[in-house]
Amino acid sequence: MKTNRLLSQPMAQAMLTRQLGDYGLGFGVPSAGVFRFQHGGGNEGYRCFLVLSVESGDGVAVMTNGDSGEVLFKAMIAAIGAAYGWSV
């Protein structure tokens, strides 16, 4: 059966199920706090981070153009979370 879905529901569930420690398939799935998934990355001169709550649907993606971008995105995520009343 051909489908236009990017991922099947079983694959999406496997990605968000802890496979090894606090990691699913391709995403971090922290065991503390709300049920969320996250992923960060970077190359020389760039840093980024994505976090989404499975429970509420809230989320944020921050991309920076600097090697010290982690400092910025942590502050931005904390400020956005405080402004919107997200629980961590």
PDB file of N, CA and C in Angstrom:
ATOM      1  N   MET A   1       0.845  -1.179   0.000  1.00  0.00           N
ATOM      2  CA  MET A   1       0.000   0.000   0.000  1.00  0.00           C
ATOM      3  C   MET A   1       0.890   1.242   0.000  1.00  0.00           C
ATOM      4  N   LYS A   2       0.668   2.123  -0.938  1.00  0.00           N
ATOM      5  CA  LYS A   2       1.446   3.351  -1.051  1.00  0.00           C
ATOM      6  C   LYS A   2       0.770   4.444  -0.227  1.00  0.00           C
ATOM      7  N   THR A   3       1.598   5.238   0.471  1.00  0.00           N
ATOM      8  CA  THR A   3       1.069   6.313   1.303  1.00  0.00           C
ATOM      9  C   THR A   3       1.902   7.564   1.092  1.00  0.00           C
ATOM     10  N   ASN A   4       1.317   8.719   1.385  1.00  0.00           N
ATOM     11  CA  ASN A   4       2.067   9.971   1.274  1.00  0.00           C
ATOM     12  C   ASN A   4       2.595  10.431   2.634  1.00  0.00           C
ATOM     13  N   ARG A   5       2.487   9.580   3.642  1.00  0.00           N
ATOM     14  CA  ARG A   5       2.987   9.908   4.973  1.00  0.00           C
ATOM     15  C   ARG A   5       4.502   9.817   4.986  1.00  0.00           C
ATOM     16  N   LEU A   6       5.103  10.714   5.731  1.00  0.00           N
ATOM     17  CA  LEU A   6       6.547  10.716   5.872  1.00  0.00           C
ATOM     18  C   LEU A   6       7.007   9.541   6.732  1.00  0.00           C
ATOM     19  N   LEU A   7       6.308   9.315   7.847  1.00  0.00           N
ATOM     20  CA  LEU A   7       6.625   8.226   8.759  1.00  0.00           C
ATOM     21  C   LEU A   7       5.355   7.464   9.108  1.00  0.00           C
ATOM     22  N   SER A   8       5.500   6.169   9.293  1.00  0.00           N
ATOM     23  CA  SER A   8       4.362   5.390   9.768  1.00  0.00           C
ATOM     24  C   SER A   8       4.174   5.661  11.258  1.00  0.00           C
ATOM     25  N   GLN A   9       2.993   5.417  11.769  1.00  0.00           N
ATOM     26  CA  GLN A   9       2.740   5.622  13.195  1.00  0.00           C
ATOM     27  C   GLN A   9       3.640   4.734  14.056  1.00  0.00           C
ATOM     28  N   PRO A  10       3.844   3.457  13.713  1.00  0.00           N
ATOM     29  CA  PRO A  10       4.768   2.648  14.526  1.00  0.00           C
ATOM     30  C   PRO A  10       6.198   3.200  14.531  1.00  0.00           C
ATOM     31  N   MET A  11       6.664   3.727  13.399  1.00  0.00           N
ATOM     32  CA  MET A  11       8.012   4.294  13.362  1.00  0.00           C
ATOM     33  C   MET A  11       8.081   5.563  14.208  1.00  0.00           C
ATOM     34  N   ALA A  12       7.070   6.424  14.137  1.00  0.00           N
ATOM     35  CA  ALA A  12       7.051   7.638  14.961  1.00  0.00           C
ATOM     36  C   ALA A  12       7.046   7.273  16.439  1.00  0.00           C
ATOM     37  N   GLN A  13       6.283   6.250  16.815  1.00  0.00           N
ATOM     38  CA  GLN A  13       6.260   5.810  18.212  1.00  0.00           C
ATOM     39  C   GLN A  13       7.609   5.250  18.633  1.00  0.00           C
ATOM     40  N   ALA A  14       8.273   4.503  17.762  1.00  0.00           N
ATOM     41  CA  ALA A  14       9.599   3.966  18.076  1.00  0.00           C
ATOM     42  C   ALA A  14      10.617   5.083  18.252  1.00  0.00           C
ATOM     43  N   MET A  15      10.493   6.141  17.442  1.00  0.00           N
ATOM     44  CA  MET A  15      11.422   7.267  17.550  1.00  0.00           C
ATOM     45  C   MET A  15      11.308   7.963  18.898  1.00  0.00           C
ATOM     46  N   LEU A  16      10.106   7.965  19.481  1.00  0.00           N
ATOM     47  CA  LEU A  16       9.876   8.661  20.743  1.00  0.00           C
ATOM     48  C   LEU A  16       9.848   7.717  21.941  1.00  0.00           C
ATOM     49  N   THR A  17      10.243   6.476  21.744  1.00  0.00           N
ATOM     50  CA  THR A  17      10.349   5.505  22.828  1.00  0.00           C
ATOM     51  C   THR A  17      11.819   5.359  23.192  1.00  0.00           C
ATOM     52  N   ARG A  18      12.127   5.440  24.478  1.00  0.00           N
ATOM     53  CA  ARG A  18      13.522   5.320  24.903  1.00  0.00           C
ATOM     54  C   ARG A  18      14.078   3.974  24.463  1.00  0.00           C
ATOM     55  N   GLN A  19      15.143   4.026  23.702  1.00  0.00           N
ATOM     56  CA  GLN A  19      15.795   2.824  23.195  1.00  0.00           C
ATOM     57  C   GLN A  19      17.063   2.515  23.991  1.00  0.00           C
ATOM     58  N   LEU A  20      17.808   3.555  24.318  1.00  0.00           N
ATOM     59  CA  LEU A  20      19.061   3.414  25.046  1.00  0.00           C
ATOM     60  C   LEU A  20      19.204   4.634  25.946  1.00  0.00           C
ATOM     61  N   GLY A  21      19.074   4.439  27.242  1.00  0.00           N
ATOM     62  CA  GLY A  21      19.122   5.587  28.157  1.00  0.00           C
ATOM     63  C   GLY A  21      17.978   6.539  27.859  1.00  0.00           C
ATOM     64  N   ASP A  22      18.304   7.810  27.709  1.00  0.00           N
ATOM     65  CA  ASP A  22      17.300   8.837  27.408  1.00  0.00           C
ATOM     66  C   ASP A  22      17.246   9.169  25.916  1.00  0.00           C
ATOM     67  N   TYR A  23      17.503   8.185  25.068  1.00  0.00           N
ATOM     68  CA  TYR A  23      17.507   8.425  23.622  1.00  0.00           C
ATOM     69  C   TYR A  23      16.560   7.485  22.904  1.00  0.00           C
ATOM     70  N   GLY A  24      15.756   8.069  22.012  1.00  0.00           N
ATOM     71  CA  GLY A  24      14.918   7.293  21.109  1.00  0.00           C
ATOM     72  C   GLY A  24      15.708   7.089  19.832  1.00  0.00           C
ATOM     73  N   LEU A  25      15.007   7.001  18.710  1.00  0.00           N
ATOM     74  CA  LEU A  25      15.674   6.867  17.422  1.00  0.00           C
ATOM     75  C   LEU A  25      15.821   8.253  16.797  1.00  0.00           C
ATOM     76  N   GLY A  26      16.986   8.856  16.973  1.00  0.00           N
ATOM     77  CA  GLY A  26      17.256  10.172  16.386  1.00  0.00           C
ATOM     78  C   GLY A  26      16.979  11.344  17.301  1.00  0.00           C
ATOM     79  N   PHE A  27      16.292  11.145  18.395  1.00  0.00           N
ATOM     80  CA  PHE A  27      15.948  12.225  19.311  1.00  0.00           C
ATOM     81  C   PHE A  27      16.304  11.852  20.740  1.00  0.00           C
ATOM     82  N   GLY A  28      16.634  12.879  21.522  1.00  0.00           N
ATOM     83  CA  GLY A  28      16.708  12.695  22.959  1.00  0.00           C
ATOM     84  C   GLY A  28      15.290  12.681  23.497  1.00  0.00           C
ATOM     85  N   VAL A  29      15.011  11.787  24.427  1.00  0.00           N
ATOM     86  CA  VAL A  29      13.688  11.678  25.048  1.00  0.00           C
ATOM     87  C   VAL A  29      13.928  11.662  26.557  1.00  0.00           C
ATOM     88  N   PRO A  30      14.170  12.852  27.142  1.00  0.00           N
ATOM     89  CA  PRO A  30      14.515  12.905  28.568  1.00  0.00           C
ATOM     90  C   PRO A  30      13.444  12.282  29.449  1.00  0.00           C
ATOM     91  N   SER A  31      13.897  11.582  30.479  1.00  0.00           N
ATOM     92  CA  SER A  31      12.952  10.915  31.378  1.00  0.00           C
ATOM     93  C   SER A  31      12.445  11.844  32.470  1.00  0.00           C
ATOM     94  N   ALA A  32      13.100  12.982  32.678  1.00  0.00           N
ATOM     95  CA  ALA A  32      12.671  13.935  33.707  1.00  0.00           C
ATOM     96  C   ALA A  32      11.739  14.986  33.102  1.00  0.00           C
ATOM     97  N   GLY A  33      10.775  15.430  33.877  1.00  0.00           N
ATOM     98  CA  GLY A  33       9.876  16.500  33.433  1.00  0.00           C
ATOM     99  C   GLY A  33       8.779  15.994  32.521  1.00  0.00           C
ATOM    100  N   VAL A  34       8.278  16.882  31.652  1.00  0.00           N
ATOM    101  CA  VAL A  34       7.188  16.543  30.739  1.00  0.00           C
ATOM    102  C   VAL A  34       7.710  15.638  29.624  1.00  0.00           C
ATOM    103  N   PHE A  35       6.809  14.895  28.989  1.00  0.00           N
ATOM    104  CA  PHE A  35       7.188  14.023  27.880  1.00  0.00           C
ATOM    105  C   PHE A  35       7.509  14.904  26.680  1.00  0.00           C
ATOM    106  N   ARG A  36       8.783  14.952  26.329  1.00  0.00           N
ATOM    107  CA  ARG A  36       9.223  15.806  25.231  1.00  0.00           C
ATOM    108  C   ARG A  36      10.308  15.086  24.442  1.00  0.00           C
ATOM    109  N   PHE A  37      10.586  15.619  23.252  1.00  0.00           N
ATOM    110  CA  PHE A  37      11.727  15.126  22.505  1.00  0.00           C
ATOM    111  C   PHE A  37      12.554  16.305  22.055  1.00  0.00           C
ATOM    112  N   GLN A  38      13.843  16.061  21.858  1.00  0.00           N
ATOM    113  CA  GLN A  38      14.752  17.165  21.565  1.00  0.00           C
ATOM    114  C   GLN A  38      15.918  16.682  20.713  1.00  0.00           C
ATOM    115  N   HIS A  39      16.522  17.631  20.035  1.00  0.00           N
ATOM    116  CA  HIS A  39      17.695  17.316  19.221  1.00  0.00           C
ATOM    117  C   HIS A  39      18.499  18.596  19.041  1.00  0.00           C
ATOM    118  N   GLY A  40      19.776  18.473  19.185  1.00  0.00           N
ATOM    119  CA  GLY A  40      20.671  19.606  18.964  1.00  0.00           C
ATOM    120  C   GLY A  40      21.700  19.254  17.920  1.00  0.00           C
ATOM    121  N   GLY A  41      22.390  20.259  17.465  1.00  0.00           N
ATOM    122  CA  GLY A  41      23.422  20.002  16.476  1.00  0.00           C
ATOM    123  C   GLY A  41      24.282  21.217  16.247  1.00  0.00           C
ATOM    124  N   GLY A  42      25.279  21.029  15.445  1.00  0.00           N
ATOM    125  CA  GLY A  42      26.139  22.148  15.117  1.00  0.00           C
ATOM    126  C   GLY A  42      27.286  21.745  14.227  1.00  0.00           C
ATOM    127  N   ASN A  43      27.785  22.704  13.534  1.00  0.00           N
ATOM    128  CA  ASN A  43      28.995  22.624  12.738  1.00  0.00           C
ATOM    129  C   ASN A  43      29.829  23.835  13.107  1.00  0.00           C
ATOM    130  N   GLU A  44      31.002  23.940  12.548  1.00  0.00           N
ATOM    131  CA  GLU A  44      31.832  25.099  12.842  1.00  0.00           C
ATOM    132  C   GLU A  44      31.063  26.380  12.507  1.00  0.00           C
ATOM    133  N   GLY A  45      30.880  27.212  13.529  1.00  0.00           N
ATOM    134  CA  GLY A  45      30.190  28.481  13.325  1.00  0.00           C
ATOM    135  C   GLY A  45      28.681  28.435  13.494  1.00  0.00           C
ATOM    136  N   TYR A  46      28.121  27.287  13.809  1.00  0.00           N
ATOM    137  CA  TYR A  46      26.666  27.154  13.934  1.00  0.00           C
ATOM    138  C   TYR A  46      26.310  26.226  15.084  1.00  0.00           C
ATOM    139  N   ARG A  47      25.239  26.557  15.798  1.00  0.00           N
ATOM    140  CA  ARG A  47      24.689  25.680  16.837  1.00  0.00           C
ATOM    141  C   ARG A  47      23.169  25.798  16.764  1.00  0.00           C
ATOM    142  N   CYS A  48      22.472  24.686  17.052  1.00  0.00           N
ATOM    143  CA  CYS A  48      21.010  24.724  17.011  1.00  0.00           C
ATOM    144  C   CYS A  48      20.444  23.745  18.033  1.00  0.00           C
ATOM    145  N   PHE A  49      19.172  23.932  18.348  1.00  0.00           N
ATOM    146  CA  PHE A  49      18.495  23.055  19.295  1.00  0.00           C
ATOM    147  C   PHE A  49      17.002  23.113  19.030  1.00  0.00           C
ATOM    148  N   LEU A  50      16.355  21.960  19.108  1.00  0.00           N
ATOM    149  CA  LEU A  50      14.914  21.810  18.927  1.00  0.00           C
ATOM    150  C   LEU A  50      14.381  21.057  20.124  1.00  0.00           C
ATOM    151  N   VAL A  51      13.284  21.528  20.702  1.00  0.00           N
ATOM    152  CA  VAL A  51      12.616  20.792  21.781  1.00  0.00           C
ATOM    153  C   VAL A  51      11.110  20.945  21.598  1.00  0.00           C
ATOM    154  N   LEU A  52      10.379  19.836  21.694  1.00  0.00           N
ATOM    155  CA  LEU A  52       8.932  19.827  21.527  1.00  0.00           C
ATOM    156  C   LEU A  52       8.293  18.963  22.601  1.00  0.00           C
ATOM    157  N   SER A  53       7.212  19.460  23.191  1.00  0.00           N
ATOM    158  CA  SER A  53       6.460  18.711  24.192  1.00  0.00           C
ATOM    159  C   SER A  53       5.427  17.844  23.484  1.00  0.00           C
ATOM    160  N   VAL A  54       5.465  16.556  23.755  1.00  0.00           N
ATOM    161  CA  VAL A  54       4.480  15.639  23.185  1.00  0.00           C
ATOM    162  C   VAL A  54       3.120  15.876  23.853  1.00  0.00           C
ATOM    163  N   GLU A  55       3.141  16.223  25.132  1.00  0.00           N
ATOM    164  CA  GLU A  55       1.900  16.402  25.891  1.00  0.00           C
ATOM    165  C   GLU A  55       1.128  17.651  25.471  1.00  0.00           C
ATOM    166  N   SER A  56       1.821  18.794  25.360  1.00  0.00           N
ATOM    167  CA  SER A  56       1.119  20.054  25.099  1.00  0.00           C
ATOM    168  C   SER A  56       1.193  20.516  23.652  1.00  0.00           C
ATOM    169  N   GLY A  57       2.172  20.007  22.911  1.00  0.00           N
ATOM    170  CA  GLY A  57       2.374  20.482  21.542  1.00  0.00           C
ATOM    171  C   GLY A  57       3.236  21.728  21.461  1.00  0.00           C
ATOM    172  N   ASP A  58       3.666  22.271  22.607  1.00  0.00           N
ATOM    173  CA  ASP A  58       4.538  23.444  22.622  1.00  0.00           C
ATOM    174  C   ASP A  58       5.939  23.048  22.184  1.00  0.00           C
ATOM    175  N   GLY A  59       6.620  23.971  21.549  1.00  0.00           N
ATOM    176  CA  GLY A  59       7.988  23.676  21.158  1.00  0.00           C
ATOM    177  C   GLY A  59       8.685  24.897  20.601  1.00  0.00           C
ATOM    178  N   VAL A  60       9.979  24.752  20.436  1.00  0.00           N
ATOM    179  CA  VAL A  60      10.778  25.837  19.898  1.00  0.00           C
ATOM    180  C   VAL A  60      12.004  25.249  19.203  1.00  0.00           C
ATOM    181  N   ALA A  61      12.417  25.896  18.132  1.00  0.00           N
ATOM    182  CA  ALA A  61      13.665  25.572  17.441  1.00  0.00           C
ATOM    183  C   ALA A  61      14.473  26.864  17.400  1.00  0.00           C
ATOM    184  N   VAL A  62      15.727  26.785  17.819  1.00  0.00           N
ATOM    185  CA  VAL A  62      16.607  27.949  17.817  1.00  0.00           C
ATOM    186  C   VAL A  62      17.844  27.601  17.011  1.00  0.00           C
ATOM    187  N   MET A  63      18.181  28.443  16.048  1.00  0.00           N
ATOM    188  CA  MET A  63      19.380  28.257  15.235  1.00  0.00           C
ATOM    189  C   MET A  63      20.250  29.493  15.365  1.00  0.00           C
ATOM    190  N   THR A  64      21.533  29.284  15.610  1.00  0.00           N
ATOM    191  CA  THR A  64      22.450  30.399  15.800  1.00  0.00           C
ATOM    192  C   THR A  64      23.592  30.306  14.795  1.00  0.00           C
ATOM    193  N   ASN A  65      24.230  31.425  14.572  1.00  0.00           N
ATOM    194  CA  ASN A  65      25.380  31.431  13.679  1.00  0.00           C
ATOM    195  C   ASN A  65      26.636  31.800  14.468  1.00  0.00           C
ATOM    196  N   GLY A  66      26.952  30.969  15.456  1.00  0.00           N
ATOM    197  CA  GLY A  66      28.152  31.177  16.254  1.00  0.00           C
ATOM    198  C   GLY A  66      28.523  29.914  17.002  1.00  0.00           C
ATOM    199  N   ASP A  67      29.812  29.749  17.249  1.00  0.00           N
ATOM    200  CA  ASP A  67      30.285  28.576  17.978  1.00  0.00           C
ATOM    201  C   ASP A  67      29.822  28.567  19.428  1.00  0.00           C
ATOM    202  N   SER A  68      29.457  29.727  19.976  1.00  0.00           N
ATOM    203  CA  SER A  68      28.971  29.816  21.354  1.00  0.00           C
ATOM    204  C   SER A  68      27.450  29.888  21.395  1.00  0.00           C
ATOM    205  N   GLY A  69      26.801  29.416  20.354  1.00  0.00           N
ATOM    206  CA  GLY A  69      25.350  29.507  20.253  1.00  0.00           C
ATOM    207  C   GLY A  69      24.602  28.778  21.342  1.00  0.00           C
ATOM    208  N   GLU A  70      25.235  27.782  21.980  1.00  0.00           N
ATOM    209  CA  GLU A  70      24.558  27.033  23.043  1.00  0.00           C
ATOM    210  C   GLU A  70      24.175  27.947  24.196  1.00  0.00           C
ATOM    211  N   VAL A  71      25.045  28.885  24.525  1.00  0.00           N
ATOM    212  CA  VAL A  71      24.738  29.840  25.599  1.00  0.00           C
ATOM    213  C   VAL A  71      23.490  30.642  25.235  1.00  0.00           C
ATOM    214  N   LEU A  72      23.415  31.073  23.988  1.00  0.00           N
ATOM    215  CA  LEU A  72      22.274  31.865  23.528  1.00  0.00           C
ATOM    216  C   LEU A  72      21.001  31.028  23.487  1.00  0.00           C
ATOM    217  N   PHE A  73      21.055  29.831  22.895  1.00  0.00           N
ATOM    218  CA  PHE A  73      19.800  29.091  22.784  1.00  0.00           C
ATOM    219  C   PHE A  73      19.285  28.601  24.121  1.00  0.00           C
ATOM    220  N   LYS A  74      20.160  28.308  25.065  1.00  0.00           N
ATOM    221  CA  LYS A  74      19.673  27.936  26.400  1.00  0.00           C
ATOM    222  C   LYS A  74      18.935  29.101  27.052  1.00  0.00           C
ATOM    223  N   ALA A  75      19.500  30.310  26.928  1.00  0.00           N
ATOM    224  CA  ALA A  75      18.847  31.498  27.494  1.00  0.00           C
ATOM    225  C   ALA A  75      17.531  31.783  26.780  1.00  0.00           C
ATOM    226  N   MET A  76      17.519  31.634  25.456  1.00  0.00           N
ATOM    227  CA  MET A  76      16.295  31.899  24.690  1.00  0.00           C
ATOM    228  C   MET A  76      15.187  30.905  25.037  1.00  0.00           C
ATOM    229  N   ILE A  77      15.539  29.632  25.137  1.00  0.00           N
ATOM    230  CA  ILE A  77      14.533  28.615  25.462  1.00  0.00           C
ATOM    231  C   ILE A  77      13.977  28.845  26.865  1.00  0.00           C
ATOM    232  N   ALA A  78      14.850  29.209  27.808  1.00  0.00           N
ATOM    233  CA  ALA A  78      14.378  29.499  29.167  1.00  0.00           C
ATOM    234  C   ALA A  78      13.439  30.712  29.171  1.00  0.00           C
ATOM    235  N   ALA A  79      13.788  31.745  28.417  1.00  0.00           N
ATOM    236  CA  ALA A  79      12.949  32.957  28.368  1.00  0.00           C
ATOM    237  C   ALA A  79      11.611  32.676  27.685  1.00  0.00           C
ATOM    238  N   ILE A  80      11.633  31.931  26.591  1.00  0.00           N
ATOM    239  CA  ILE A  80      10.394  31.586  25.885  1.00  0.00           C
ATOM    240  C   ILE A  80       9.512  30.722  26.785  1.00  0.00           C
ATOM    241  N   GLY A  81      10.124  29.744  27.446  1.00  0.00           N
ATOM    242  CA  GLY A  81       9.366  28.876  28.354  1.00  0.00           C
ATOM    243  C   GLY A  81       8.730  29.657  29.497  1.00  0.00           C
ATOM    244  N   ALA A  82       9.469  30.612  30.048  1.00  0.00           N
ATOM    245  CA  ALA A  82       8.935  31.448  31.143  1.00  0.00           C
ATOM    246  C   ALA A  82       7.777  32.316  30.620  1.00  0.00           C
ATOM    247  N   ALA A  83       7.939  32.889  29.442  1.00  0.00           N
ATOM    248  CA  ALA A  83       6.906  33.765  28.891  1.00  0.00           C
ATOM    249  C   ALA A  83       5.603  33.013  28.614  1.00  0.00           C
ATOM    250  N   TYR A  84       5.717  31.762  28.184  1.00  0.00           N
ATOM    251  CA  TYR A  84       4.535  30.976  27.850  1.00  0.00           C
ATOM    252  C   TYR A  84       4.086  30.036  28.964  1.00  0.00           C
ATOM    253  N   GLY A  85       4.807  30.035  30.083  1.00  0.00           N
ATOM    254  CA  GLY A  85       4.419  29.205  31.229  1.00  0.00           C
ATOM    255  C   GLY A  85       4.621  27.723  31.002  1.00  0.00           C
ATOM    256  N   TRP A  86       5.655  27.353  30.221  1.00  0.00           N
ATOM    257  CA  TRP A  86       5.931  25.938  29.985  1.00  0.00           C
ATOM    258  C   TRP A  86       6.512  25.314  31.233  1.00  0.00           C
ATOM    259  N   SER A  87       6.141  24.055  31.519  1.00  0.00           N
ATOM    260  CA  SER A  87       6.801  23.324  32.583  1.00  0.00           C
ATOM    261  C   SER A  87       7.937  22.519  31.969  1.00  0.00           C
ATOM    262  N   VAL A  88       8.981  22.337  32.734  1.00  0.00           N
ATOM    263  CA  VAL A  88      10.176  21.671  32.199  1.00  0.00           C
ATOM    264  C   VAL A  88      10.329  20.314  32.849  1.00  0.00           C
TER     265      VAL A  88
END
